[in-house]
Every structure is written in structure tokens, then in C-alpha cells.
Amino acid sequence: MAFLKSLSGLTGNELKDSEVQSRERTAASVLFDWEREIYVARAPGRLDVMGGIADYSGSLVLQMPLREACHVAVQRNHPSKQKLWKHVQARQLENTGVVPVVQIVSFGSELSNRAPTFDMDLSDFMDGDKPISYEKAREFFCQDPSQKWAAYVSGTILILMTELGVQFTDSMSILVSSAVPEGKGVSSSASVEVATMSAIAAAYGLNVTPRDLALLCQKVENHVVGAPCGVMDQMASACGEANKLLAMVCQPAEVKELVMIPSHIRFWGLDSGIRHSVGGGDYGSVRVGTYMGRKMIKCAASDLVSVSSTSDAPAQSDDYKEKGRDVLKSEASMEYLCKLPPHRYEAAYSKDIPETITGDAFLEKYGDHDDMVTVIDPKRSYSVKAPTRHPIYENFRVETFKALLTAANTDEQLSALGELMYQCHYSYNACGLGSDGTDRLVNLVQEMQHRKTPENGGPNLYGAKITGGGSGGSVCVIGKNCLQSAEEIAEIQQRYKAATGYQPIVFDGSSPGAGKFGYLKIRRRLIITK
């Protein structure tokens, strides 16, 4: 409703001459033809309860869609009827005349170092009669750092053109308004991509399932933006439901079920104030190290297959040896690292995975790490052991966490769930994806958990972990769904502020994903009074 009221306040006859308009609102006020249909979609941010960076290794993940969401309004018009900003009109007169254009306004630009508007001719996405390559698209959006944000929005158009063969012959007006704060590790980028593509799909009558839409939006981030994320964020934003955890196996994106959050359990997000970005160097280098580890394990398994084929160990039955070879063969062709159980990793491979390796040493021995979205720098040293170990154990932790959610309502249940979150947090740190701020928040939760109070015999908060891509951003906290827990979260806020000068944002509450929300088709209604 707040977004719809904001839209209605943009109509030309409601703008007061004396009202000082921000640049973005001025641009938005002439963006739409208010007599024609406007399509509105909504996609929430997400709180990474369990799973995190193990998503690109095929892990089970548990994600909660947040209350905070991004709204996108889209309108299509024939190029000759499209309302154009003055500089776009001048460009068309200077060039070839009327052509399809995209005009985008993003609210909230004053809070970030970015331009509030972006426009382009749709022909800029064409190379002859074919869409331009993703590499050229990345170069296009990197020309002006203040407008790089537009890749998340208009990149959805290029993906639809390239992957689904959609032809866009109309002009397009897009308004983006997001309440999901940027750089907090709660998937602000995924919510923008999913909301934008959902609104465009509605405006053009495209029948795209929420799952397929999420996979397409991941391509926006991987190939147009250039951030090597998994599909977890987009799936949570597209397929999630309010007050449920989306349980998904990222191989590549299979929703297992929607797990109802037990009524006695509550999750919160607490923002550390340290900006997070999946496009950052740490996230990318950890991903490279993970894929290096997978390649090493596959090569070691292949060698063990050869050895077992020529071995004459008499202590083993033929049946046992055959089954052992089958296991090794499956590990030699393993697509996802999370298919390897922890006991197999420890029994057969752990001792041979190095702590670190240089890019050139790895390339010389193994050729490539077989990842489509990262590139090995020969001159760089990569951590391998911790990034390889993390997803193998994280997948086990997430499966255990999911099973425990349906256990009896006891303090032991909450303690076990919290312990799994703590283990995940310190595993992130071992990979090099921790931060002082997130560690401080987790330590404050532990202090709350273990302090003795005369009023209450037991704790209210039970665990916490860094979320998403790590290196800052937010932590997820688990606790009892009670007033005392909320009071302790507020106390953590104040103590963090006293120590750092920054008061964390609290993410509390859930809402439906884009698929469940659907879309709104709106237009201004003229009311004639007598």
C-alpha cells in the first residue's frame, strides 16, 4: 500500500509547484502514462538461516523471506507513444528517430553512491540480429560506476532476450523502490532482479515459473553483473512463503519443501554495519578454493579407482571391492561437492587437500577448476582446505537442523539448533569470510545465552551465525518466540552501538515471495463528480 500511495503521489496533477522534488521523484513523475496499465511486482529480501555459501556446492539450504521487499512497476508503450525524458528525446532526434528505449528510476539513490536514473536504447543490447554477449554487457554497464546498478535491472531484459528468445519491440518504463537495505547480506540484489523480471514477465505475458525465473535472475547476477553467487538468494525471493523456511537443494535448484517455523521459535537478522558484497574478492577467492578442492578430490578418486582395479587385496570380498569401486567412480564424476558425506571426506581425501595452493601450481597440475563464473589468477595463493571442508560439513549441519525443527519443543532442541549455527559461523571464519562486526554480534548473543539471571532459569537466545556471502553483512539469531528474547535483541543493539558507534538494523518478520504475491495490474481511475 505504501508503494501504491507513492505511485499515486507521482501523477502530474498531484505534484505541487511549491513542493521541492528530489531528482528521482521528478524523473519518476514523467515516467508513466497514467491512463495505461502499469504492472507491479514485489520480491522480498531473505535471511540465510542455514546453508549460505554452500549453495554453489549443491547444499541443502534453509532461507526465510523477509518482511522487507523490493517493488517494481513496469509499463510498456509503443515507441511513438512513450513519454521520454528531454535528453532521451534529444538523442533520438540526433540519431535515427523513434526507437524502443528503456527508462529506469531507482528510489533511494541518495542513500547510495549511484545515479537515480538510467536509460538506454534497446538496440544497445543487439549485435546485428542477435543479443550482445554477456561479456559485452558487463563492459557496457561498467562504463559509468554510478550507473552500474542498472545491470541488476536492465540485465533482466538481456537475459530474457538471450535465454528465452523474447523480442522487445516496445519501449519500457521501470520504477524500482526497495526497502531491502543494500550491503547488509540480506539479498537486496536478488530482490531487485526477481521483482524486475516478475514485473516485465507480467507486462509482456510471459509464463515463467518462479523456479525458472530465479534461475534466470541468477544468470543476471553471474553473467551481466559479474558476481559469482549461487541461486539460493533468487530462489528464496521468488519461491518463498511467509513464516516458512524454504528448504532447497541447490543442484541446481530443487525445492524440497516449505518448512513451517515452529511457533515457539523465532529468527532475527542483525546488521553489523560492515558492507557485504558477493562481488568482493574474498567471496570469489573462497569459491575458487572450493572448486579447486572439488577437482582435487575427483582426481584423487579417479586414481583410487585405477588402484582398486589392479589391487588383489585378499581380505576384501569381491562384492565389497565392487561396491567400493562404485563409490569411488561416483566421487570421480561428482558434480556437487555436497554429495560427498563428511565420513568419506575424512576417510579418503582430507589428508591430501593442501591448506593453500598458488594459482599457477594448481593450473599446472590440474588444468582448470571447472567453474563457469570464476577465473583462477596464476599469481594468487588460494586457501583450499577450509573452503573445501565447509560445504561438505555445512550440508550435514543443514540436514540435521531441518530434522531438529520437527523435534519436541525443549531447551535441548533449541540448544542443538543454536550449536549448529555457531559451528557454521566459525567455519565461515576459517574460510576467511568473517568480520569483526559479525563476530562481535555472535559473541553478544553467546553472552546473553550464558548469563545467569534471577528471573529466568534458562536462556532466551540460543545461537547465531554470519549469513549469505559473509565478510560483513548480517547475522541470523535463533531464540524463543517471547518478549524476553525481543528485549535481549534490543539490548544487543544498544551494546553494539556503545562499542562501535553503529546501531544495527533488526530484521524481524516474514512475507511472501514473488511467486506467491503474483502481480498487480493498475491504472489511474478517473472519477467524475457532478
Protein backbone atom coordinates (compact mmCIF):
# COMPACT_ATOMS: atom_id res chain seq x y z
CA MET A 1 0.00 0.00 0.00
CA ALA A 2 2.87 2.36 0.76
CA PHE A 3 4.29 1.75 -2.73
CA LEU A 4 0.91 2.32 -4.40
CA LYS A 5 0.46 5.57 -2.44
CA SER A 6 3.94 6.62 -3.54
CA LEU A 7 2.95 5.90 -7.16
CA SER A 8 -0.28 7.87 -6.92
CA GLY A 9 1.65 10.79 -5.48
CA LEU A 10 3.71 10.99 -8.68
CA THR A 11 0.84 11.82 -11.03
CA GLY A 12 1.43 15.20 -12.62
CA ASN A 13 -1.70 16.91 -11.36
CA GLU A 14 -0.92 16.00 -7.78
CA LEU A 15 2.60 17.45 -7.73
CA LYS A 16 2.52 20.82 -6.02
CA ASP A 17 4.53 23.57 -7.70
CA SER A 18 5.90 24.66 -4.34
CA GLU A 19 6.98 21.16 -3.44
CA VAL A 20 10.70 20.63 -3.77
CA GLN A 21 11.04 17.33 -5.60
CA SER A 22 14.11 15.14 -5.48
CA ARG A 23 15.67 14.40 -8.84
CA GLU A 24 14.43 10.82 -8.75
CA ARG A 25 10.83 11.80 -7.97
CA THR A 26 10.88 14.47 -10.67
CA ALA A 27 12.08 11.88 -13.20
CA ALA A 28 9.52 9.34 -11.95
CA SER A 29 6.65 11.83 -12.25
CA VAL A 30 7.03 11.84 -16.05
CA LEU A 31 7.93 8.15 -16.38
CA PHE A 32 4.47 6.66 -16.88
CA ASP A 33 1.38 7.26 -18.96
CA TRP A 34 -1.12 7.18 -16.10
CA GLU A 35 -4.03 6.27 -18.40
CA ARG A 36 -2.40 2.95 -19.39
CA GLU A 37 -1.79 -0.26 -17.40
CA ILE A 38 1.16 -0.45 -15.04
CA TYR A 39 2.32 -3.84 -13.76
CA VAL A 40 3.62 -4.07 -10.19
CA ALA A 41 5.60 -6.97 -8.73
CA ARG A 42 7.12 -7.49 -5.31
CA ALA A 43 10.05 -9.63 -4.13
CA PRO A 44 11.41 -9.84 -0.56
CA GLY A 45 14.94 -9.97 0.76
CA ARG A 46 15.92 -13.14 2.59
CA LEU A 47 17.51 -14.18 5.86
CA ASP A 48 20.01 -17.00 5.40
CA VAL A 49 19.13 -19.27 8.33
CA MET A 50 21.43 -22.13 7.24
CA GLY A 51 23.33 -23.05 4.08
CA GLY A 52 24.93 -19.82 2.92
CA ILE A 53 27.92 -20.13 0.61
CA ALA A 54 27.47 -23.90 0.41
CA ASP A 55 24.70 -23.24 -2.13
CA TYR A 56 27.04 -23.28 -5.12
CA SER A 57 28.38 -26.63 -3.91
CA GLY A 58 24.90 -28.18 -4.04
CA SER A 59 23.99 -27.98 -0.35
CA LEU A 60 20.57 -28.07 1.24
CA VAL A 61 19.81 -24.51 2.39
CA LEU A 62 17.12 -23.03 4.65
CA GLN A 63 16.03 -19.49 3.79
CA MET A 64 13.40 -17.18 5.28
CA PRO A 65 11.87 -14.43 3.10
CA LEU A 66 11.99 -11.14 4.99
CA ARG A 67 9.26 -8.59 5.60
CA GLU A 68 11.37 -6.02 3.72
CA ALA A 69 10.86 -6.18 -0.05
CA CYS A 70 11.53 -4.51 -3.39
CA HIS A 71 8.62 -3.23 -5.51
CA VAL A 72 8.98 -2.69 -9.25
CA ALA A 73 6.46 -1.02 -11.57
CA VAL A 74 6.75 -1.63 -15.32
CA GLN A 75 4.85 -0.12 -18.24
CA ARG A 76 5.27 -0.91 -21.93
CA ASN A 77 4.41 1.55 -24.68
CA HIS A 78 4.77 1.79 -28.44
CA PRO A 79 7.97 3.78 -29.09
CA SER A 80 5.97 6.59 -30.74
CA LYS A 81 3.78 6.96 -27.64
CA GLN A 82 6.48 6.59 -24.98
CA LYS A 83 6.95 9.57 -22.68
CA LEU A 84 10.63 10.48 -22.93
CA TRP A 85 12.98 12.49 -20.77
CA LYS A 86 14.38 15.52 -22.58
CA HIS A 87 17.88 14.18 -23.08
CA VAL A 88 16.43 10.93 -24.49
CA GLN A 89 14.30 12.96 -26.94
CA ALA A 90 17.42 14.88 -28.00
CA ARG A 91 19.35 11.62 -28.52
CA GLN A 92 16.59 10.19 -30.71
CA LEU A 93 16.38 13.34 -32.82
CA GLU A 94 20.15 13.31 -33.23
CA ASN A 95 20.28 9.65 -34.26
CA THR A 96 17.79 7.53 -36.14
CA GLY A 97 14.49 8.85 -34.85
CA VAL A 98 11.99 6.95 -32.72
CA VAL A 99 13.37 3.64 -31.36
CA PRO A 100 12.43 1.45 -28.35
CA VAL A 101 14.05 2.71 -25.16
CA VAL A 102 14.27 1.66 -21.51
CA GLN A 103 13.95 4.37 -18.86
CA ILE A 104 14.58 3.42 -15.22
CA VAL A 105 14.18 5.36 -11.98
CA SER A 106 15.51 3.92 -8.72
CA PHE A 107 14.24 5.39 -5.46
CA GLY A 108 16.72 5.63 -2.60
CA SER A 109 19.71 6.63 -4.72
CA GLU A 110 20.55 9.43 -2.27
CA LEU A 111 21.45 6.73 0.28
CA SER A 112 23.98 5.16 -2.10
CA ASN A 113 26.66 6.48 -4.40
CA ARG A 114 24.67 5.96 -7.58
CA ALA A 115 22.68 7.91 -10.15
CA PRO A 116 18.89 7.93 -9.66
CA THR A 117 18.07 7.34 -13.32
CA PHE A 118 19.26 5.22 -16.21
CA ASP A 119 18.20 4.99 -19.84
CA MET A 120 19.33 3.14 -22.94
CA ASP A 121 18.14 2.27 -26.42
CA LEU A 122 17.12 -1.38 -26.60
CA SER A 123 19.23 -1.61 -29.76
CA ASP A 124 22.29 -1.31 -27.46
CA PHE A 125 21.50 -4.91 -26.46
CA MET A 126 21.69 -6.12 -30.06
CA ASP A 127 24.67 -7.17 -32.17
CA GLY A 128 23.14 -7.37 -35.63
CA ASP A 129 20.13 -9.67 -35.31
CA LYS A 130 21.37 -11.35 -32.09
CA PRO A 131 21.64 -10.18 -28.47
CA ILE A 132 25.10 -8.96 -27.44
CA SER A 133 27.34 -11.28 -25.43
CA TYR A 134 27.25 -11.19 -21.65
CA GLU A 135 30.87 -10.04 -21.64
CA LYS A 136 29.97 -7.00 -23.77
CA ALA A 137 27.01 -6.31 -21.48
CA ARG A 138 29.30 -6.28 -18.41
CA GLU A 139 31.60 -3.82 -20.17
CA PHE A 140 28.59 -1.67 -21.13
CA PHE A 141 27.38 -1.35 -17.52
CA CYS A 142 30.88 -0.75 -16.14
CA GLN A 143 31.43 2.38 -18.24
CA ASP A 144 30.00 4.62 -15.51
CA PRO A 145 30.39 3.37 -11.91
CA SER A 146 27.44 5.49 -10.74
CA GLN A 147 25.17 3.60 -13.16
CA LYS A 148 26.50 0.07 -12.65
CA TRP A 149 23.39 -0.61 -10.51
CA ALA A 150 21.31 -0.61 -13.71
CA ALA A 151 22.82 -4.00 -14.65
CA TYR A 152 20.63 -5.64 -11.97
CA VAL A 153 17.51 -4.12 -13.55
CA SER A 154 18.00 -3.90 -17.31
CA GLY A 155 20.17 -7.04 -17.22
CA THR A 156 16.91 -8.96 -16.78
CA ILE A 157 15.86 -7.78 -20.27
CA LEU A 158 19.05 -9.11 -21.88
CA ILE A 159 18.70 -12.46 -20.08
CA LEU A 160 15.10 -12.84 -21.32
CA MET A 161 16.25 -11.99 -24.86
CA THR A 162 19.19 -14.41 -24.79
CA GLU A 163 17.81 -17.34 -22.80
CA LEU A 164 14.13 -17.31 -23.85
CA GLY A 165 14.36 -15.56 -27.23
CA VAL A 166 11.97 -12.78 -26.15
CA GLN A 167 11.84 -9.87 -28.61
CA PHE A 168 11.18 -6.48 -27.05
CA THR A 169 9.83 -4.08 -29.67
CA ASP A 170 8.04 -1.73 -27.24
CA SER A 171 9.63 0.89 -25.03
CA MET A 172 9.70 0.21 -21.32
CA SER A 173 9.42 2.39 -18.21
CA ILE A 174 10.63 0.87 -14.93
CA LEU A 175 10.38 2.25 -11.38
CA VAL A 176 12.33 0.47 -8.63
CA SER A 177 11.61 1.08 -4.95
CA SER A 178 13.33 -1.21 -2.45
CA ALA A 179 13.04 -1.40 1.31
CA VAL A 180 15.73 -4.11 1.39
CA PRO A 181 18.88 -2.28 2.53
CA GLU A 182 21.98 -2.69 0.38
CA GLY A 183 25.18 -4.31 1.60
CA LYS A 184 23.56 -5.97 4.64
CA GLY A 185 23.79 -9.56 3.39
CA VAL A 186 20.01 -9.94 3.02
CA SER A 187 19.88 -10.25 -0.79
CA SER A 188 18.99 -6.74 -1.86
CA SER A 189 20.29 -7.51 -5.36
CA ALA A 190 18.25 -10.72 -5.73
CA SER A 191 15.06 -8.93 -4.65
CA VAL A 192 15.64 -6.25 -7.32
CA GLU A 193 16.30 -8.85 -10.03
CA VAL A 194 13.33 -11.04 -9.10
CA ALA A 195 10.88 -8.13 -8.74
CA THR A 196 12.02 -6.59 -12.03
CA MET A 197 11.83 -9.80 -14.04
CA SER A 198 8.45 -10.65 -12.47
CA ALA A 199 7.01 -7.26 -13.45
CA ILE A 200 8.42 -7.49 -17.00
CA ALA A 201 7.08 -11.04 -17.38
CA ALA A 202 3.63 -9.83 -16.29
CA ALA A 203 3.69 -6.83 -18.65
CA TYR A 204 4.67 -9.00 -21.62
CA GLY A 205 2.50 -12.01 -20.79
CA LEU A 206 5.47 -14.34 -20.30
CA ASN A 207 4.67 -17.58 -18.49
CA VAL A 208 7.76 -18.18 -16.37
CA THR A 209 7.55 -20.36 -13.25
CA PRO A 210 9.04 -18.94 -10.02
CA ARG A 211 11.82 -21.55 -10.11
CA ASP A 212 12.77 -20.78 -13.71
CA LEU A 213 12.57 -17.06 -13.01
CA ALA A 214 15.01 -17.49 -10.09
CA LEU A 215 17.47 -19.38 -12.32
CA LEU A 216 17.23 -16.65 -14.95
CA CYS A 217 17.84 -13.98 -12.30
CA GLN A 218 20.92 -15.86 -11.13
CA LYS A 219 22.23 -15.51 -14.70
CA VAL A 220 21.72 -11.75 -14.41
CA GLU A 221 23.98 -11.68 -11.36
CA ASN A 222 26.55 -14.17 -12.66
CA HIS A 223 26.87 -13.07 -16.27
CA VAL A 224 25.70 -9.44 -16.55
CA VAL A 225 26.64 -8.06 -13.13
CA GLY A 226 29.62 -10.41 -12.80
CA ALA A 227 29.02 -11.61 -9.21
CA PRO A 228 29.68 -15.37 -8.71
CA CYS A 229 26.69 -16.10 -6.45
CA GLY A 230 24.72 -19.33 -6.17
CA VAL A 231 20.96 -19.50 -6.80
CA MET A 232 19.85 -19.57 -3.15
CA ASP A 233 19.01 -15.85 -2.86
CA GLN A 234 16.92 -15.67 -6.02
CA MET A 235 15.06 -18.87 -5.14
CA ALA A 236 14.17 -17.58 -1.66
CA SER A 237 12.95 -14.28 -3.12
CA ALA A 238 10.92 -15.95 -5.88
CA CYS A 239 9.63 -19.15 -4.23
CA GLY A 240 9.50 -18.39 -0.50
CA GLU A 241 6.39 -18.14 1.65
CA ALA A 242 5.72 -16.10 4.77
CA ASN A 243 6.74 -17.66 8.11
CA LYS A 244 8.22 -20.70 6.41
CA LEU A 245 11.78 -21.75 5.66
CA LEU A 246 12.40 -22.57 2.02
CA ALA A 247 14.25 -25.91 2.09
CA MET A 248 16.08 -26.19 -1.21
CA VAL A 249 18.81 -28.40 -2.62
CA CYS A 250 20.97 -26.29 -4.91
CA GLN A 251 21.55 -28.97 -7.59
CA PRO A 252 20.85 -26.61 -9.27
CA ALA A 253 17.56 -25.52 -7.65
CA GLU A 254 15.21 -28.17 -6.29
CA VAL A 255 12.68 -27.03 -3.67
CA LYS A 256 12.32 -29.90 -1.20
CA GLU A 257 9.61 -28.37 0.95
CA LEU A 258 8.45 -25.28 2.80
CA VAL A 259 9.17 -25.87 6.47
CA MET A 260 6.81 -24.16 8.89
CA ILE A 261 8.75 -22.31 11.59
CA PRO A 262 7.58 -23.79 14.94
CA SER A 263 5.53 -21.29 16.93
CA HIS A 264 7.98 -21.35 19.88
CA ILE A 265 10.99 -20.43 17.67
CA ARG A 266 11.85 -17.04 16.19
CA PHE A 267 14.62 -15.85 13.89
CA TRP A 268 16.07 -12.34 13.74
CA GLY A 269 18.61 -10.68 11.49
CA LEU A 270 21.10 -8.19 12.99
CA ASP A 271 23.12 -5.97 10.67
CA SER A 272 26.79 -5.44 11.56
CA GLY A 273 27.13 -2.20 9.59
CA ILE A 274 30.01 -3.72 7.60
CA ARG A 275 29.14 -3.67 3.92
CA HIS A 276 28.91 -7.05 2.25
CA SER A 277 29.25 -7.79 -1.45
CA VAL A 278 29.27 -11.14 -3.27
CA GLY A 279 31.29 -9.39 -5.96
CA GLY A 280 34.10 -8.87 -3.45
CA GLY A 281 37.47 -10.59 -3.68
CA ASP A 282 37.13 -12.77 -0.57
CA TYR A 283 33.87 -14.39 -1.69
CA GLY A 284 35.26 -15.09 -5.17
CA SER A 285 38.58 -16.50 -3.93
CA VAL A 286 36.80 -18.82 -1.47
CA ARG A 287 34.61 -20.06 -4.31
CA VAL A 288 37.74 -20.70 -6.40
CA GLY A 289 39.30 -22.60 -3.48
CA THR A 290 36.14 -24.72 -3.11
CA TYR A 291 36.15 -25.67 -6.78
CA MET A 292 39.89 -26.41 -6.61
CA GLY A 293 39.18 -28.80 -3.74
CA ARG A 294 36.43 -30.50 -5.69
CA LYS A 295 38.78 -31.02 -8.65
CA MET A 296 41.48 -32.44 -6.37
CA ILE A 297 39.00 -34.89 -4.80
CA LYS A 298 37.70 -36.00 -8.21
CA CYS A 299 41.25 -36.61 -9.46
CA ALA A 300 42.18 -38.50 -6.29
CA ALA A 301 39.04 -40.64 -6.60
CA SER A 302 39.88 -41.40 -10.22
CA ASP A 303 43.38 -42.51 -9.16
CA LEU A 304 41.89 -44.71 -6.43
CA VAL A 305 39.59 -46.35 -9.00
CA SER A 306 42.64 -47.30 -11.05
CA VAL A 307 44.44 -48.65 -8.00
CA SER A 308 41.41 -50.67 -6.84
CA SER A 309 41.04 -52.21 -10.29
CA THR A 310 44.54 -53.67 -10.09
CA SER A 311 44.54 -54.47 -6.36
CA ASP A 312 44.41 -58.09 -5.20
CA ALA A 313 43.64 -57.45 -1.55
CA PRO A 314 42.53 -60.92 -0.28
CA ALA A 315 40.90 -59.56 2.88
CA GLN A 316 38.12 -57.97 0.87
CA SER A 317 35.29 -59.89 -0.79
CA ASP A 318 34.64 -59.30 -4.48
CA ASP A 319 31.27 -57.81 -3.61
CA TYR A 320 32.84 -55.35 -1.15
CA LYS A 321 35.52 -54.35 -3.64
CA GLU A 322 32.93 -53.81 -6.37
CA LYS A 323 30.82 -51.58 -4.14
CA GLY A 324 33.94 -49.67 -3.11
CA ARG A 325 34.80 -49.09 -6.78
CA ASP A 326 31.25 -47.85 -7.44
CA VAL A 327 31.59 -45.32 -4.62
CA LEU A 328 34.93 -44.10 -5.98
CA LYS A 329 33.56 -43.87 -9.52
CA SER A 330 30.67 -41.70 -8.34
CA GLU A 331 33.12 -39.48 -6.45
CA ALA A 332 35.38 -39.23 -9.51
CA SER A 333 32.44 -37.86 -11.54
CA MET A 334 30.97 -35.81 -8.69
CA GLU A 335 29.24 -32.63 -9.90
CA TYR A 336 28.48 -31.17 -6.47
CA LEU A 337 30.87 -31.26 -3.53
CA CYS A 338 27.97 -31.68 -1.09
CA LYS A 339 27.29 -35.14 -2.50
CA LEU A 340 30.38 -36.23 -0.57
CA PRO A 341 29.47 -37.25 3.02
CA PRO A 342 31.77 -35.98 5.80
CA HIS A 343 32.92 -39.52 6.69
CA ARG A 344 34.06 -40.16 3.10
CA TYR A 345 35.91 -36.84 3.02
CA GLU A 346 37.76 -37.70 6.24
CA ALA A 347 38.40 -41.33 5.30
CA ALA A 348 39.73 -40.82 1.79
CA TYR A 349 40.62 -37.22 0.95
CA SER A 350 41.08 -34.82 3.87
CA LYS A 351 44.76 -35.55 4.49
CA ASP A 352 45.70 -34.83 0.87
CA ILE A 353 43.93 -31.46 0.47
CA PRO A 354 46.51 -28.68 0.99
CA GLU A 355 45.82 -25.68 3.20
CA THR A 356 46.71 -23.36 0.29
CA ILE A 357 47.94 -23.55 -3.30
CA THR A 358 49.07 -20.95 -5.81
CA GLY A 359 47.04 -20.48 -8.97
CA ASP A 360 49.90 -21.43 -11.27
CA ALA A 361 50.71 -24.60 -9.29
CA PHE A 362 47.08 -25.70 -9.46
CA LEU A 363 46.75 -24.95 -13.18
CA GLU A 364 49.95 -26.84 -13.95
CA LYS A 365 48.81 -29.99 -12.11
CA TYR A 366 45.02 -29.99 -12.67
CA GLY A 367 44.39 -27.86 -15.77
CA ASP A 368 41.31 -25.96 -14.58
CA HIS A 369 38.86 -25.85 -11.65
CA ASP A 370 35.78 -26.26 -13.89
CA ASP A 371 33.80 -23.25 -12.64
CA MET A 372 31.96 -21.17 -15.22
CA VAL A 373 31.82 -17.95 -13.19
CA THR A 374 35.28 -17.56 -11.63
CA VAL A 375 38.78 -17.36 -13.08
CA ILE A 376 41.99 -18.54 -11.39
CA ASP A 377 44.68 -15.87 -11.00
CA PRO A 378 48.00 -17.71 -11.54
CA LYS A 379 49.85 -15.25 -9.28
CA ARG A 380 47.47 -15.58 -6.33
CA SER A 381 47.60 -18.00 -3.42
CA TYR A 382 44.24 -19.62 -2.62
CA SER A 383 43.02 -21.20 0.60
CA VAL A 384 41.75 -24.68 -0.31
CA LYS A 385 41.28 -26.91 2.74
CA ALA A 386 38.82 -24.74 4.69
CA PRO A 387 36.70 -23.79 1.63
CA THR A 388 36.56 -27.48 0.61
CA ARG A 389 35.65 -28.74 4.06
CA HIS A 390 32.99 -26.08 4.71
CA PRO A 391 30.25 -27.14 2.24
CA ILE A 392 30.70 -30.85 2.99
CA TYR A 393 30.04 -30.30 6.69
CA GLU A 394 27.55 -27.48 6.15
CA ASN A 395 25.26 -29.73 4.12
CA PHE A 396 25.25 -32.21 7.03
CA ARG A 397 24.58 -29.37 9.50
CA VAL A 398 21.65 -28.06 7.45
CA GLU A 399 20.08 -31.53 7.11
CA THR A 400 20.42 -32.00 10.87
CA PHE A 401 18.97 -28.53 11.54
CA LYS A 402 15.94 -29.26 9.37
CA ALA A 403 15.31 -32.59 11.13
CA LEU A 404 15.62 -30.93 14.56
CA LEU A 405 12.99 -28.31 13.70
CA THR A 406 10.31 -31.01 13.95
CA ALA A 407 11.63 -32.39 17.25
CA ALA A 408 9.91 -31.85 20.58
CA ASN A 409 9.75 -28.32 22.00
CA THR A 410 12.56 -28.46 24.56
CA ASP A 411 15.55 -26.36 25.58
CA GLU A 412 17.71 -29.21 24.25
CA GLN A 413 16.15 -28.75 20.80
CA LEU A 414 16.96 -25.02 20.79
CA SER A 415 20.47 -25.63 22.16
CA ALA A 416 21.21 -28.12 19.38
CA LEU A 417 19.87 -25.78 16.69
CA GLY A 418 21.94 -22.93 18.10
CA GLU A 419 25.07 -25.07 18.25
CA LEU A 420 24.75 -25.91 14.55
CA MET A 421 24.53 -22.18 13.78
CA TYR A 422 27.63 -21.44 15.86
CA GLN A 423 29.56 -24.19 14.05
CA CYS A 424 28.57 -22.69 10.71
CA HIS A 425 29.72 -19.24 11.85
CA TYR A 426 33.20 -20.39 12.82
CA SER A 427 33.52 -22.42 9.64
CA TYR A 428 32.93 -19.20 7.68
CA ASN A 429 35.71 -17.60 9.72
CA ALA A 430 38.05 -20.48 8.86
CA CYS A 431 37.37 -19.78 5.17
CA GLY A 432 38.35 -16.13 5.62
CA LEU A 433 34.78 -14.83 5.33
CA GLY A 434 34.33 -13.49 8.85
CA SER A 435 34.43 -9.92 10.13
CA ASP A 436 34.98 -8.14 13.45
CA GLY A 437 31.41 -6.83 13.43
CA THR A 438 29.68 -10.15 12.88
CA ASP A 439 31.97 -11.82 15.45
CA ARG A 440 31.04 -9.13 17.97
CA LEU A 441 27.33 -9.73 17.41
CA VAL A 442 27.71 -13.51 17.74
CA ASN A 443 29.72 -13.04 20.94
CA LEU A 444 26.98 -10.79 22.36
CA VAL A 445 24.40 -13.50 21.64
CA GLN A 446 26.61 -16.01 23.47
CA GLU A 447 26.90 -13.65 26.46
CA MET A 448 23.10 -13.38 26.58
CA GLN A 449 22.74 -17.16 26.30
CA HIS A 450 25.12 -18.00 29.12
CA ARG A 451 24.44 -15.26 31.64
CA LYS A 452 22.54 -16.18 34.79
CA THR A 453 19.51 -14.09 35.76
CA PRO A 454 17.42 -14.47 38.92
CA GLU A 455 14.16 -14.03 36.99
CA ASN A 456 14.82 -16.73 34.44
CA GLY A 457 16.50 -20.08 34.85
CA GLY A 458 17.28 -20.65 31.17
CA PRO A 459 18.37 -18.65 28.11
CA ASN A 460 16.13 -16.99 25.55
CA LEU A 461 18.65 -16.71 22.69
CA TYR A 462 20.43 -19.92 21.63
CA GLY A 463 22.64 -19.32 18.62
CA ALA A 464 23.82 -17.02 15.84
CA LYS A 465 25.79 -17.13 12.60
CA ILE A 466 27.06 -14.90 9.83
CA THR A 467 24.83 -15.08 6.75
CA GLY A 468 24.97 -15.16 2.96
CA GLY A 469 28.34 -14.43 1.41
CA GLY A 470 29.94 -13.39 4.69
CA SER A 471 32.68 -10.75 5.11
CA GLY A 472 30.30 -8.46 6.98
CA GLY A 473 26.60 -8.08 6.41
CA SER A 474 24.16 -9.55 8.93
CA VAL A 475 23.96 -12.38 11.43
CA CYS A 476 20.96 -14.66 11.94
CA VAL A 477 19.90 -15.25 15.55
CA ILE A 478 17.67 -18.04 16.86
CA GLY A 479 15.72 -17.81 20.09
CA LYS A 480 12.47 -18.41 21.89
CA ASN A 481 9.46 -16.60 20.45
CA CYS A 482 8.86 -14.49 23.56
CA LEU A 483 9.04 -10.93 24.85
CA GLN A 484 12.28 -11.56 26.76
CA SER A 485 14.04 -12.59 23.54
CA ALA A 486 12.97 -9.37 21.81
CA GLU A 487 14.25 -7.38 24.82
CA GLU A 488 17.62 -9.14 24.60
CA ILE A 489 17.85 -8.41 20.86
CA ALA A 490 17.23 -4.73 21.70
CA GLU A 491 19.94 -4.90 24.39
CA ILE A 492 22.40 -6.36 21.87
CA GLN A 493 21.57 -3.46 19.55
CA GLN A 494 22.41 -0.93 22.22
CA ARG A 495 25.59 -2.69 23.41
CA TYR A 496 26.83 -2.98 19.82
CA LYS A 497 26.17 0.73 19.30
CA ALA A 498 28.01 1.60 22.53
CA ALA A 499 31.04 -0.41 21.36
CA THR A 500 31.12 0.61 17.69
CA GLY A 501 29.01 3.74 17.27
CA TYR A 502 26.70 1.90 14.86
CA GLN A 503 23.19 0.74 15.79
CA PRO A 504 22.32 -2.47 13.93
CA ILE A 505 19.18 -2.74 11.84
CA VAL A 506 16.95 -5.54 13.15
CA PHE A 507 15.22 -7.74 10.58
CA ASP A 508 12.15 -9.22 12.21
CA GLY A 509 9.22 -10.74 10.36
CA SER A 510 8.50 -12.56 7.11
CA SER A 511 6.48 -12.09 3.91
CA PRO A 512 5.58 -13.99 0.71
CA GLY A 513 7.94 -14.48 -2.21
CA ALA A 514 7.32 -13.05 -5.68
CA GLY A 515 5.59 -16.20 -6.95
CA LYS A 516 3.10 -16.21 -4.10
CA PHE A 517 2.48 -12.46 -4.42
CA GLY A 518 1.87 -12.56 -8.18
CA TYR A 519 1.43 -9.11 -9.69
CA LEU A 520 -0.92 -6.14 -9.72
CA LYS A 521 -2.22 -4.52 -12.90
CA ILE A 522 -3.17 -0.93 -12.15
CA ARG A 523 -4.18 2.23 -13.93
CA ARG A 524 -5.47 5.59 -12.76
CA ARG A 525 -9.22 5.73 -12.45
CA LEU A 526 -10.94 8.95 -13.43
CA ILE A 527 -13.72 9.88 -11.03
CA ILE A 528 -16.30 12.25 -12.50
CA THR A 529 -18.24 14.21 -9.89
CA LYS A 530 -21.45 16.07 -10.61
